[in-house]
Amino acid sequence: MTQKVAIVTGAARGIGLAVTRRFLAEGWRVVMVDIEVEALLAAEADLDSGDAVAQACDVSDPVQVRRVAGVAIERFGRIDAVVNNAGIAVFKPLLDTSYDEWSRVLAVNLNGPFLMVQETARLMAETGGGAVVNIGSISGLRASTLRVAYGTSKAALMHLTKQQATELGEIGVRVNLIAPGPVDTAMAKEVHTPAIRADYHDAIPLNRYGLEEEIANAVFFLCSDRASYITGQTLAVDGGFDAAGIGLPTLRQDG
């Protein structure tokens, strides 16, 4: 009952699975949450660990979120960290984005972290407190084309993080946000053309995409005791993308 426990949403693949692996490597137990049941069960089987349990859940549904919190307590007896990684995106021009698409993106990307923290914060407090890491995006810091719903949801999540940190600090729950830049996930490999990848390389001072494991390392740090006095913050794990601003490719060519 003293072994620490994390809930990780969007855990079937990509960053969520990398975060799960990082927690397990550090001796934590993990409740793996995802809406894609087959992929989630396959990930659980691949991990082959008694310290990881899969739980299907649509994070925008309060009833399902409540069930996840109950499973964590029933199975492991405590919750020490929550990583709100589940997210969806619709890449369309603003004028072509339907209300249903807009609403679904905000339901998952914003309502999900609200519901998950609301259900778990008191449970974390019962065992001495804990940490929440919301996974935002560089799109919440920098506007871009085709991201009206996604970017807005991630910008709102940054402020929700501050609200959560401000209100939950007194019960020992820290809340921070990580804003990844371009990460070399399976999804990115599918949708980012060579031209898009070249554009990103030109705009990122470290001149490469991030790795899922690099995001996971930052998440684990913020959930660990080493970050015990850090709350309400946004950490861009983006190779310097946000810091560089605009005009970098031209400056590089001229230099």
C-alpha atoms as a PDB file:
ATOM      1  CA  MET A   1       0.000   0.000   0.000  1.00  0.00           C
ATOM      2  CA  THR A   2       3.024   2.314   0.167  1.00  0.00           C
ATOM      3  CA  GLN A   3       3.957   1.767  -3.484  1.00  0.00           C
ATOM      4  CA  LYS A   4       3.039   4.902  -5.425  1.00  0.00           C
ATOM      5  CA  VAL A   5       0.266   4.855  -8.012  1.00  0.00           C
ATOM      6  CA  ALA A   6      -0.314   6.947 -11.137  1.00  0.00           C
ATOM      7  CA  ILE A   7      -3.284   7.273 -13.462  1.00  0.00           C
ATOM      8  CA  VAL A   8      -2.184   7.940 -17.043  1.00  0.00           C
ATOM      9  CA  THR A   9      -4.784   8.782 -19.673  1.00  0.00           C
ATOM     10  CA  GLY A  10      -4.205   8.222 -23.366  1.00  0.00           C
ATOM     11  CA  ALA A  11      -1.912   5.389 -22.328  1.00  0.00           C
ATOM     12  CA  ALA A  12      -2.428   2.995 -25.239  1.00  0.00           C
ATOM     13  CA  ARG A  13       0.359   4.464 -27.358  1.00  0.00           C
ATOM     14  CA  GLY A  14       2.703   7.388 -27.905  1.00  0.00           C
ATOM     15  CA  ILE A  15       3.495   9.756 -25.071  1.00  0.00           C
ATOM     16  CA  GLY A  16       1.013   8.110 -22.702  1.00  0.00           C
ATOM     17  CA  LEU A  17       2.602   4.695 -23.121  1.00  0.00           C
ATOM     18  CA  ALA A  18       6.084   6.181 -22.745  1.00  0.00           C
ATOM     19  CA  VAL A  19       4.972   7.862 -19.515  1.00  0.00           C
ATOM     20  CA  THR A  20       3.552   4.554 -18.294  1.00  0.00           C
ATOM     21  CA  ARG A  21       6.844   2.805 -18.979  1.00  0.00           C
ATOM     22  CA  ARG A  22       8.736   5.548 -17.096  1.00  0.00           C
ATOM     23  CA  PHE A  23       6.556   5.187 -14.004  1.00  0.00           C
ATOM     24  CA  LEU A  24       6.887   1.402 -14.053  1.00  0.00           C
ATOM     25  CA  ALA A  25      10.669   1.687 -14.370  1.00  0.00           C
ATOM     26  CA  GLU A  26      10.655   3.803 -11.209  1.00  0.00           C
ATOM     27  CA  GLY A  27       8.679   1.203  -9.265  1.00  0.00           C
ATOM     28  CA  TRP A  28       5.257   2.863  -9.490  1.00  0.00           C
ATOM     29  CA  ARG A  29       1.964   1.177 -10.261  1.00  0.00           C
ATOM     30  CA  VAL A  30      -0.095   2.562 -13.137  1.00  0.00           C
ATOM     31  CA  VAL A  31      -3.754   2.613 -14.125  1.00  0.00           C
ATOM     32  CA  MET A  32      -3.624   2.877 -17.910  1.00  0.00           C
ATOM     33  CA  VAL A  33      -6.621   4.713 -19.360  1.00  0.00           C
ATOM     34  CA  ASP A  34      -7.696   4.980 -22.998  1.00  0.00           C
ATOM     35  CA  ILE A  35     -10.848   4.975 -25.091  1.00  0.00           C
ATOM     36  CA  GLU A  36      -9.313   2.641 -27.700  1.00  0.00           C
ATOM     37  CA  VAL A  37      -9.839  -0.683 -25.947  1.00  0.00           C
ATOM     38  CA  GLU A  38      -7.978  -3.026 -28.309  1.00  0.00           C
ATOM     39  CA  ALA A  39      -4.867  -0.855 -28.413  1.00  0.00           C
ATOM     40  CA  LEU A  40      -4.998  -0.417 -24.638  1.00  0.00           C
ATOM     41  CA  LEU A  41      -5.248  -4.134 -23.930  1.00  0.00           C
ATOM     42  CA  ALA A  42      -2.434  -4.815 -26.399  1.00  0.00           C
ATOM     43  CA  ALA A  43      -0.240  -2.274 -24.611  1.00  0.00           C
ATOM     44  CA  GLU A  44      -1.050  -3.807 -21.232  1.00  0.00           C
ATOM     45  CA  ALA A  45      -0.186  -7.273 -22.530  1.00  0.00           C
ATOM     46  CA  ASP A  46       3.061  -6.024 -24.046  1.00  0.00           C
ATOM     47  CA  LEU A  47       4.113  -4.467 -20.750  1.00  0.00           C
ATOM     48  CA  ASP A  48       3.420  -7.793 -19.012  1.00  0.00           C
ATOM     49  CA  SER A  49       3.508  -6.181 -15.573  1.00  0.00           C
ATOM     50  CA  GLY A  50       1.322  -6.830 -12.566  1.00  0.00           C
ATOM     51  CA  ASP A  51       1.869  -3.190 -11.687  1.00  0.00           C
ATOM     52  CA  ALA A  52      -0.088  -1.952 -14.724  1.00  0.00           C
ATOM     53  CA  VAL A  53      -3.831  -2.317 -15.147  1.00  0.00           C
ATOM     54  CA  ALA A  54      -5.835  -1.195 -18.186  1.00  0.00           C
ATOM     55  CA  GLN A  55      -9.122   0.648 -17.816  1.00  0.00           C
ATOM     56  CA  ALA A  56     -11.206   1.690 -20.811  1.00  0.00           C
ATOM     57  CA  CYS A  57     -12.588   5.202 -20.397  1.00  0.00           C
ATOM     58  CA  ASP A  58     -13.862   8.208 -22.304  1.00  0.00           C
ATOM     59  CA  VAL A  59     -12.375  10.999 -20.187  1.00  0.00           C
ATOM     60  CA  SER A  60     -15.155  13.384 -21.181  1.00  0.00           C
ATOM     61  CA  ASP A  61     -17.736  11.188 -19.412  1.00  0.00           C
ATOM     62  CA  PRO A  62     -18.020  11.916 -15.652  1.00  0.00           C
ATOM     63  CA  VAL A  63     -19.377   8.447 -14.882  1.00  0.00           C
ATOM     64  CA  GLN A  64     -16.480   6.683 -16.604  1.00  0.00           C
ATOM     65  CA  VAL A  65     -13.923   8.979 -14.975  1.00  0.00           C
ATOM     66  CA  ARG A  66     -15.396   8.248 -11.547  1.00  0.00           C
ATOM     67  CA  ARG A  67     -15.117   4.540 -12.288  1.00  0.00           C
ATOM     68  CA  VAL A  68     -11.418   4.898 -13.136  1.00  0.00           C
ATOM     69  CA  ALA A  69     -10.712   6.595  -9.809  1.00  0.00           C
ATOM     70  CA  GLY A  70     -12.596   3.796  -8.051  1.00  0.00           C
ATOM     71  CA  VAL A  71     -10.585   1.121  -9.870  1.00  0.00           C
ATOM     72  CA  ALA A  72      -7.324   2.773  -8.802  1.00  0.00           C
ATOM     73  CA  ILE A  73      -8.363   2.770  -5.150  1.00  0.00           C
ATOM     74  CA  GLU A  74      -9.854  -0.720  -5.258  1.00  0.00           C
ATOM     75  CA  ARG A  75      -6.869  -2.246  -7.029  1.00  0.00           C
ATOM     76  CA  PHE A  76      -3.952  -0.306  -5.549  1.00  0.00           C
ATOM     77  CA  GLY A  77      -5.329   1.544  -2.514  1.00  0.00           C
ATOM     78  CA  ARG A  78      -4.111   5.033  -3.364  1.00  0.00           C
ATOM     79  CA  ILE A  79      -3.470   7.650  -6.064  1.00  0.00           C
ATOM     80  CA  ASP A  80      -0.288   9.719  -6.069  1.00  0.00           C
ATOM     81  CA  ALA A  81      -0.209  11.193  -9.569  1.00  0.00           C
ATOM     82  CA  VAL A  82      -2.507  11.867 -12.496  1.00  0.00           C
ATOM     83  CA  VAL A  83      -1.214  12.491 -16.004  1.00  0.00           C
ATOM     84  CA  ASN A  84      -3.904  13.963 -18.254  1.00  0.00           C
ATOM     85  CA  ASN A  85      -2.496  12.999 -21.633  1.00  0.00           C
ATOM     86  CA  ALA A  86      -5.623  11.909 -23.541  1.00  0.00           C
ATOM     87  CA  GLY A  87      -6.340  14.318 -26.358  1.00  0.00           C
ATOM     88  CA  ILE A  88      -7.742  14.617 -29.851  1.00  0.00           C
ATOM     89  CA  ALA A  89      -7.276  17.074 -32.685  1.00  0.00           C
ATOM     90  CA  VAL A  90      -9.201  18.253 -35.729  1.00  0.00           C
ATOM     91  CA  PHE A  91      -6.968  19.892 -38.302  1.00  0.00           C
ATOM     92  CA  LYS A  92      -9.288  22.071 -40.361  1.00  0.00           C
ATOM     93  CA  PRO A  93      -9.576  25.757 -41.230  1.00  0.00           C
ATOM     94  CA  LEU A  94     -11.611  27.756 -38.715  1.00  0.00           C
ATOM     95  CA  LEU A  95     -14.416  28.342 -41.215  1.00  0.00           C
ATOM     96  CA  ASP A  96     -14.671  24.624 -42.002  1.00  0.00           C
ATOM     97  CA  THR A  97     -14.652  23.343 -38.406  1.00  0.00           C
ATOM     98  CA  SER A  98     -18.108  22.167 -37.373  1.00  0.00           C
ATOM     99  CA  TYR A  99     -19.618  22.877 -33.981  1.00  0.00           C
ATOM    100  CA  ASP A 100     -19.636  19.144 -33.217  1.00  0.00           C
ATOM    101  CA  GLU A 101     -15.916  18.888 -34.006  1.00  0.00           C
ATOM    102  CA  TRP A 102     -15.162  21.964 -31.881  1.00  0.00           C
ATOM    103  CA  SER A 103     -17.241  20.609 -28.996  1.00  0.00           C
ATOM    104  CA  ARG A 104     -15.677  17.144 -29.051  1.00  0.00           C
ATOM    105  CA  VAL A 105     -12.124  18.493 -29.001  1.00  0.00           C
ATOM    106  CA  LEU A 106     -12.892  20.697 -26.007  1.00  0.00           C
ATOM    107  CA  ALA A 107     -14.774  17.883 -24.282  1.00  0.00           C
ATOM    108  CA  VAL A 108     -11.764  15.563 -24.388  1.00  0.00           C
ATOM    109  CA  ASN A 109      -8.887  18.031 -24.110  1.00  0.00           C
ATOM    110  CA  LEU A 110     -10.374  20.380 -21.505  1.00  0.00           C
ATOM    111  CA  ASN A 111     -13.315  18.718 -19.787  1.00  0.00           C
ATOM    112  CA  GLY A 112     -11.324  15.493 -19.398  1.00  0.00           C
ATOM    113  CA  PRO A 113      -8.566  17.007 -17.225  1.00  0.00           C
ATOM    114  CA  PHE A 114     -11.179  18.967 -15.257  1.00  0.00           C
ATOM    115  CA  LEU A 115     -13.166  15.822 -14.481  1.00  0.00           C
ATOM    116  CA  MET A 116     -10.146  13.630 -13.722  1.00  0.00           C
ATOM    117  CA  VAL A 117      -8.662  16.111 -11.268  1.00  0.00           C
ATOM    118  CA  GLN A 118     -12.012  16.745  -9.643  1.00  0.00           C
ATOM    119  CA  GLU A 119     -12.425  13.004  -9.021  1.00  0.00           C
ATOM    120  CA  THR A 120      -8.887  12.290  -7.817  1.00  0.00           C
ATOM    121  CA  ALA A 121      -7.680  15.336  -5.884  1.00  0.00           C
ATOM    122  CA  ARG A 122      -9.371  14.440  -2.587  1.00  0.00           C
ATOM    123  CA  LEU A 123      -8.191  10.838  -2.947  1.00  0.00           C
ATOM    124  CA  MET A 124      -4.602  12.025  -3.368  1.00  0.00           C
ATOM    125  CA  ALA A 125      -4.964  14.284  -0.357  1.00  0.00           C
ATOM    126  CA  GLU A 126      -6.009  11.322   1.795  1.00  0.00           C
ATOM    127  CA  THR A 127      -2.556   9.764   1.408  1.00  0.00           C
ATOM    128  CA  GLY A 128      -0.522  12.941   1.828  1.00  0.00           C
ATOM    129  CA  GLY A 129      -1.052  14.716  -1.480  1.00  0.00           C
ATOM    130  CA  GLY A 130       0.128  14.169  -5.004  1.00  0.00           C
ATOM    131  CA  ALA A 131       0.835  15.666  -8.385  1.00  0.00           C
ATOM    132  CA  VAL A 132      -1.047  16.302 -11.605  1.00  0.00           C
ATOM    133  CA  VAL A 133       0.598  16.865 -14.959  1.00  0.00           C
ATOM    134  CA  ASN A 134      -1.635  18.094 -17.754  1.00  0.00           C
ATOM    135  CA  ILE A 135      -0.249  17.493 -21.233  1.00  0.00           C
ATOM    136  CA  GLY A 136      -0.787  20.639 -23.251  1.00  0.00           C
ATOM    137  CA  SER A 137       0.903  21.593 -26.483  1.00  0.00           C
ATOM    138  CA  ILE A 138       3.055  24.234 -28.015  1.00  0.00           C
ATOM    139  CA  SER A 139      -0.166  25.005 -29.919  1.00  0.00           C
ATOM    140  CA  GLY A 140      -1.502  26.441 -26.679  1.00  0.00           C
ATOM    141  CA  LEU A 141       1.357  28.942 -26.651  1.00  0.00           C
ATOM    142  CA  ARG A 142       1.597  29.731 -30.356  1.00  0.00           C
ATOM    143  CA  ALA A 143      -1.344  30.057 -32.731  1.00  0.00           C
ATOM    144  CA  SER A 144      -1.114  28.190 -36.005  1.00  0.00           C
ATOM    145  CA  THR A 145      -3.255  27.342 -38.983  1.00  0.00           C
ATOM    146  CA  LEU A 146      -5.764  24.475 -38.878  1.00  0.00           C
ATOM    147  CA  ARG A 147      -5.751  24.335 -35.066  1.00  0.00           C
ATOM    148  CA  VAL A 148      -8.638  26.508 -33.947  1.00  0.00           C
ATOM    149  CA  ALA A 149     -10.201  23.837 -31.719  1.00  0.00           C
ATOM    150  CA  TYR A 150      -7.004  22.056 -30.697  1.00  0.00           C
ATOM    151  CA  GLY A 151      -4.963  25.185 -29.977  1.00  0.00           C
ATOM    152  CA  THR A 152      -7.799  26.839 -28.082  1.00  0.00           C
ATOM    153  CA  SER A 153      -8.339  23.733 -25.947  1.00  0.00           C
ATOM    154  CA  LYS A 154      -4.658  23.590 -25.037  1.00  0.00           C
ATOM    155  CA  ALA A 155      -4.486  27.317 -24.242  1.00  0.00           C
ATOM    156  CA  ALA A 156      -7.516  26.903 -21.974  1.00  0.00           C
ATOM    157  CA  LEU A 157      -5.853  23.882 -20.365  1.00  0.00           C
ATOM    158  CA  MET A 158      -2.910  26.102 -19.414  1.00  0.00           C
ATOM    159  CA  HIS A 159      -5.233  28.360 -17.446  1.00  0.00           C
ATOM    160  CA  LEU A 160      -7.117  25.416 -15.970  1.00  0.00           C
ATOM    161  CA  THR A 161      -3.736  24.190 -14.708  1.00  0.00           C
ATOM    162  CA  LYS A 162      -3.211  27.480 -12.878  1.00  0.00           C
ATOM    163  CA  GLN A 163      -6.713  27.325 -11.400  1.00  0.00           C
ATOM    164  CA  GLN A 164      -6.182  23.758 -10.232  1.00  0.00           C
ATOM    165  CA  ALA A 165      -2.785  24.591  -8.736  1.00  0.00           C
ATOM    166  CA  THR A 166      -4.127  27.647  -6.938  1.00  0.00           C
ATOM    167  CA  GLU A 167      -7.041  25.826  -5.354  1.00  0.00           C
ATOM    168  CA  LEU A 168      -5.481  22.444  -4.635  1.00  0.00           C
ATOM    169  CA  GLY A 169      -2.131  23.494  -3.207  1.00  0.00           C
ATOM    170  CA  GLU A 170      -3.560  23.748   0.275  1.00  0.00           C
ATOM    171  CA  ILE A 171      -4.492  20.046   0.240  1.00  0.00           C
ATOM    172  CA  GLY A 172      -1.059  19.038  -1.009  1.00  0.00           C
ATOM    173  CA  VAL A 173      -1.821  18.528  -4.692  1.00  0.00           C
ATOM    174  CA  ARG A 174       0.578  20.145  -7.159  1.00  0.00           C
ATOM    175  CA  VAL A 175      -0.557  20.776 -10.748  1.00  0.00           C
ATOM    176  CA  ASN A 176       1.696  21.610 -13.696  1.00  0.00           C
ATOM    177  CA  LEU A 177       1.502  21.473 -17.470  1.00  0.00           C
ATOM    178  CA  ILE A 178       3.948  20.244 -20.071  1.00  0.00           C
ATOM    179  CA  ALA A 179       3.676  21.754 -23.546  1.00  0.00           C
ATOM    180  CA  PRO A 180       5.410  19.406 -25.980  1.00  0.00           C
ATOM    181  CA  GLY A 181       6.633  20.690 -29.291  1.00  0.00           C
ATOM    182  CA  PRO A 182       6.771  18.368 -32.304  1.00  0.00           C
ATOM    183  CA  VAL A 183       7.352  14.836 -31.019  1.00  0.00           C
ATOM    184  CA  ASP A 184       8.329  11.841 -33.137  1.00  0.00           C
ATOM    185  CA  THR A 185       5.203   9.810 -32.437  1.00  0.00           C
ATOM    186  CA  ALA A 186       3.611   7.312 -34.802  1.00  0.00           C
ATOM    187  CA  MET A 187       0.909   9.902 -35.541  1.00  0.00           C
ATOM    188  CA  ALA A 188       3.461  12.560 -36.464  1.00  0.00           C
ATOM    189  CA  LYS A 189       5.234  10.136 -38.752  1.00  0.00           C
ATOM    190  CA  GLU A 190       1.956   9.476 -40.555  1.00  0.00           C
ATOM    191  CA  VAL A 191       0.697  13.049 -40.984  1.00  0.00           C
ATOM    192  CA  HIS A 192       3.863  15.163 -41.177  1.00  0.00           C
ATOM    193  CA  THR A 193       5.129  15.215 -44.736  1.00  0.00           C
ATOM    194  CA  PRO A 194       8.845  15.629 -45.452  1.00  0.00           C
ATOM    195  CA  ALA A 195       8.185  19.301 -46.192  1.00  0.00           C
ATOM    196  CA  ILE A 196       6.448  19.818 -42.850  1.00  0.00           C
ATOM    197  CA  ARG A 197       9.260  18.040 -41.017  1.00  0.00           C
ATOM    198  CA  ALA A 198      11.810  20.239 -42.769  1.00  0.00           C
ATOM    199  CA  ASP A 199       9.876  23.348 -41.719  1.00  0.00           C
ATOM    200  CA  TYR A 200       9.878  22.236 -38.104  1.00  0.00           C
ATOM    201  CA  HIS A 201      13.584  21.421 -38.194  1.00  0.00           C
ATOM    202  CA  ASP A 202      14.266  24.923 -39.489  1.00  0.00           C
ATOM    203  CA  ALA A 203      12.193  26.496 -36.707  1.00  0.00           C
ATOM    204  CA  ILE A 204      13.503  24.429 -33.767  1.00  0.00           C
ATOM    205  CA  PRO A 205      16.868  25.492 -32.331  1.00  0.00           C
ATOM    206  CA  LEU A 206      17.764  21.884 -31.439  1.00  0.00           C
ATOM    207  CA  ASN A 207      16.972  21.034 -35.078  1.00  0.00           C
ATOM    208  CA  ARG A 208      15.024  17.844 -34.422  1.00  0.00           C
ATOM    209  CA  TYR A 209      11.754  16.410 -33.185  1.00  0.00           C
ATOM    210  CA  GLY A 210      11.480  15.433 -29.546  1.00  0.00           C
ATOM    211  CA  LEU A 211      11.268  11.843 -28.379  1.00  0.00           C
ATOM    212  CA  GLU A 212       8.376  10.348 -26.446  1.00  0.00           C
ATOM    213  CA  GLU A 213      10.838   9.340 -23.743  1.00  0.00           C
ATOM    214  CA  GLU A 214      11.970  12.954 -23.344  1.00  0.00           C
ATOM    215  CA  ILE A 215       8.415  14.032 -22.624  1.00  0.00           C
ATOM    216  CA  ALA A 216       8.033  11.121 -20.210  1.00  0.00           C
ATOM    217  CA  ASN A 217      11.172  12.177 -18.331  1.00  0.00           C
ATOM    218  CA  ALA A 218       9.761  15.668 -17.824  1.00  0.00           C
ATOM    219  CA  VAL A 219       6.417  14.267 -16.686  1.00  0.00           C
ATOM    220  CA  PHE A 220       8.044  11.997 -14.139  1.00  0.00           C
ATOM    221  CA  PHE A 221      10.180  14.822 -12.779  1.00  0.00           C
ATOM    222  CA  LEU A 222       7.102  16.977 -12.161  1.00  0.00           C
ATOM    223  CA  CYS A 223       5.389  14.066 -10.409  1.00  0.00           C
ATOM    224  CA  SER A 224       8.402  13.267  -8.247  1.00  0.00           C
ATOM    225  CA  ASP A 225       9.501  14.683  -4.915  1.00  0.00           C
ATOM    226  CA  ARG A 226      12.268  16.560  -6.743  1.00  0.00           C
ATOM    227  CA  ALA A 227       9.579  18.957  -7.980  1.00  0.00           C
ATOM    228  CA  SER A 228       8.029  19.367  -4.523  1.00  0.00           C
ATOM    229  CA  TYR A 229       7.947  23.192  -4.687  1.00  0.00           C
ATOM    230  CA  ILE A 230       6.822  23.516  -8.297  1.00  0.00           C
ATOM    231  CA  THR A 231       3.160  24.093  -9.073  1.00  0.00           C
ATOM    232  CA  GLY A 232       1.051  26.118 -11.487  1.00  0.00           C
ATOM    233  CA  GLN A 233       3.772  26.141 -14.138  1.00  0.00           C
ATOM    234  CA  THR A 234       3.931  25.479 -17.871  1.00  0.00           C
ATOM    235  CA  LEU A 235       7.090  23.730 -19.068  1.00  0.00           C
ATOM    236  CA  ALA A 236       7.624  23.757 -22.821  1.00  0.00           C
ATOM    237  CA  VAL A 237       9.512  20.615 -23.819  1.00  0.00           C
ATOM    238  CA  ASP A 238       9.995  21.716 -27.383  1.00  0.00           C
ATOM    239  CA  GLY A 239      13.660  21.997 -28.329  1.00  0.00           C
ATOM    240  CA  GLY A 240      13.420  25.789 -28.053  1.00  0.00           C
ATOM    241  CA  PHE A 241      10.583  26.129 -30.579  1.00  0.00           C
ATOM    242  CA  ASP A 242       8.558  28.619 -28.525  1.00  0.00           C
ATOM    243  CA  ALA A 243      11.609  30.591 -27.413  1.00  0.00           C
ATOM    244  CA  ALA A 244      12.844  31.106 -30.968  1.00  0.00           C
ATOM    245  CA  GLY A 245       9.804  33.033 -32.218  1.00  0.00           C
ATOM    246  CA  ILE A 246       9.404  33.814 -35.884  1.00  0.00           C
ATOM    247  CA  GLY A 247      11.986  34.531 -38.559  1.00  0.00           C
ATOM    248  CA  LEU A 248      14.471  31.925 -37.411  1.00  0.00           C
ATOM    249  CA  PRO A 249      14.836  30.122 -40.755  1.00  0.00           C
ATOM    250  CA  THR A 250      15.764  33.368 -42.527  1.00  0.00           C
ATOM    251  CA  LEU A 251      18.207  34.326 -39.812  1.00  0.00           C
ATOM    252  CA  ARG A 252      19.864  30.932 -40.049  1.00  0.00           C
ATOM    253  CA  GLN A 253      20.190  31.192 -43.815  1.00  0.00           C
ATOM    254  CA  ASP A 254      21.604  34.705 -43.597  1.00  0.00           C
ATOM    255  CA  GLY A 255      24.003  33.646 -40.855  1.00  0.00           C
END
